[in-house]
């Protein structure tokens, strides 16, 4: 199901994904308090999400199809990039504050990508 990437599928799920991502960004950012720009829902081929230098967050619409814990990890990961725009130790310490099992989540996402 996650490999399917046609426009019809994207349009069917885009608004559900937008509602979910806005809700989860709001929920986790209540803890972090970062300045969030705009939130975009995209149909990207090889990324679950990304963060721009302007503070905009881009999420793949397929996040709505993932188990909630994995989607939450992706949201937290991108929120933490608003403070640490790298993958250094300080970044992972920030992620671990809300997702202490982030390593397991990363492994699960990689397994889904390979499936």
Protein backbone atom coordinates (compact mmCIF):
# COMPACT_ATOMS: atom_id res chain seq x y z
CA UNK A 1 0.00 0.00 0.00
CA UNK A 2 2.80 2.45 0.78
CA UNK A 3 4.47 1.90 -2.59
CA UNK A 4 1.41 3.10 -4.51
CA UNK A 5 2.10 6.61 -5.73
CA UNK A 6 -0.55 7.85 -8.09
CA UNK A 7 -2.20 11.23 -8.09
CA UNK A 8 -5.65 9.84 -7.31
CA UNK A 9 -4.36 8.12 -4.17
CA UNK A 10 -2.57 11.33 -3.13
CA UNK A 11 -5.68 13.47 -3.60
CA UNK A 12 -7.82 11.00 -1.65
CA UNK A 13 -5.55 11.09 1.39
CA UNK A 14 -4.05 14.59 1.25
CA UNK A 15 -6.61 16.33 3.49
CA UNK A 16 -6.58 13.52 6.06
CA UNK A 17 -2.81 13.76 6.15
CA UNK A 18 -2.96 17.55 6.47
CA UNK A 19 -5.35 17.34 9.44
CA UNK A 20 -3.23 14.67 11.13
CA UNK A 21 0.06 16.50 10.62
CA UNK A 22 -1.31 19.83 11.87
CA UNK A 23 -2.73 18.10 14.96
CA UNK A 24 0.49 16.22 15.73
CA UNK A 25 2.75 19.22 15.04
CA UNK A 26 0.61 21.25 17.44
CA UNK A 27 0.65 18.51 20.05
CA UNK A 28 4.43 18.00 20.04
CA UNK A 29 5.31 21.63 19.53
CA UNK A 30 3.46 22.46 22.75
CA UNK A 31 6.44 20.69 24.37
CA UNK A 32 9.22 22.03 22.12
CA UNK A 33 7.92 25.56 21.47
CA UNK A 34 9.73 26.02 18.15
CA UNK A 35 8.70 28.62 15.59
CA UNK A 36 6.95 26.62 12.88
CA UNK A 37 6.45 28.10 9.44
CA UNK A 38 3.99 26.49 7.06
CA UNK A 39 3.07 22.82 6.96
CA UNK A 40 2.89 21.23 3.52
CA UNK A 41 1.61 17.83 2.46
CA UNK A 42 3.44 16.42 -0.55
CA UNK A 43 3.65 13.32 -2.69
CA UNK A 44 7.38 12.73 -2.41
CA UNK A 45 9.07 9.65 -3.75
CA UNK A 46 11.85 8.99 -1.27
CA UNK A 47 11.28 11.06 1.89
CA UNK A 48 8.83 10.86 4.74
CA UNK A 49 9.38 14.53 5.56
CA UNK A 50 11.74 17.47 5.39
CA UNK A 51 12.33 20.82 7.03
CA UNK A 52 13.38 24.06 5.37
CA UNK A 53 15.68 26.77 6.73
CA UNK A 54 12.57 29.01 6.86
CA UNK A 55 10.92 26.68 9.35
CA UNK A 56 8.48 25.11 6.90
CA UNK A 57 7.69 21.45 7.43
CA UNK A 58 6.99 19.14 4.48
CA UNK A 59 5.30 15.81 5.11
CA UNK A 60 4.60 12.88 2.81
CA UNK A 61 0.87 12.16 2.60
CA UNK A 62 1.62 8.46 3.21
CA UNK A 63 2.33 9.22 6.87
CA UNK A 64 -1.40 8.89 7.42
CA UNK A 65 -1.04 5.19 6.51
CA UNK A 66 1.69 4.46 9.06
CA UNK A 67 1.18 3.26 12.62
CA UNK A 68 0.64 6.38 14.77
CA UNK A 69 3.89 5.93 16.71
CA UNK A 70 5.93 6.04 13.49
CA UNK A 71 4.09 9.08 12.14
CA UNK A 72 4.67 10.79 15.49
CA UNK A 73 8.37 10.00 15.32
CA UNK A 74 8.58 11.66 11.88
CA UNK A 75 6.80 14.76 13.21
CA UNK A 76 9.12 14.99 16.23
CA UNK A 77 12.17 14.43 14.00
CA UNK A 78 11.24 17.38 11.79
CA UNK A 79 10.29 19.62 14.72
CA UNK A 80 13.71 18.99 16.24
CA UNK A 81 15.34 20.15 13.01
CA UNK A 82 13.86 23.58 13.71
CA UNK A 83 16.29 23.82 16.63
CA UNK A 84 19.15 21.61 15.37
CA UNK A 85 19.46 21.62 11.58
CA UNK A 86 21.68 18.51 11.59
CA UNK A 87 21.79 14.95 12.91
CA UNK A 88 24.34 15.53 15.67
CA UNK A 89 24.14 14.39 19.30
CA UNK A 90 22.18 17.50 20.37
CA UNK A 91 19.57 16.75 17.72
CA UNK A 92 19.10 13.15 18.83
CA UNK A 93 18.90 14.25 22.48
CA UNK A 94 16.02 16.56 21.52
CA UNK A 95 14.24 13.76 19.66
CA UNK A 96 14.69 11.39 22.61
CA UNK A 97 12.83 13.78 24.93
CA UNK A 98 9.54 12.89 23.21
CA UNK A 99 10.43 9.64 21.45
CA UNK A 100 12.88 7.74 23.65
CA UNK A 101 12.59 4.68 21.37
CA UNK A 102 13.51 6.69 18.25
CA UNK A 103 16.06 4.07 17.17
CA UNK A 104 13.33 1.43 16.96
CA UNK A 105 11.14 3.83 15.00
CA UNK A 106 13.94 4.52 12.52
CA UNK A 107 14.47 0.79 12.01
CA UNK A 108 10.74 0.24 11.48
CA UNK A 109 10.57 3.03 8.88
CA UNK A 110 13.54 1.59 7.01
CA UNK A 111 11.87 -1.84 7.01
CA UNK A 112 8.71 -0.30 5.52
CA UNK A 113 10.76 1.49 2.87
CA UNK A 114 12.44 -1.78 1.84
CA UNK A 115 9.18 -3.76 1.73
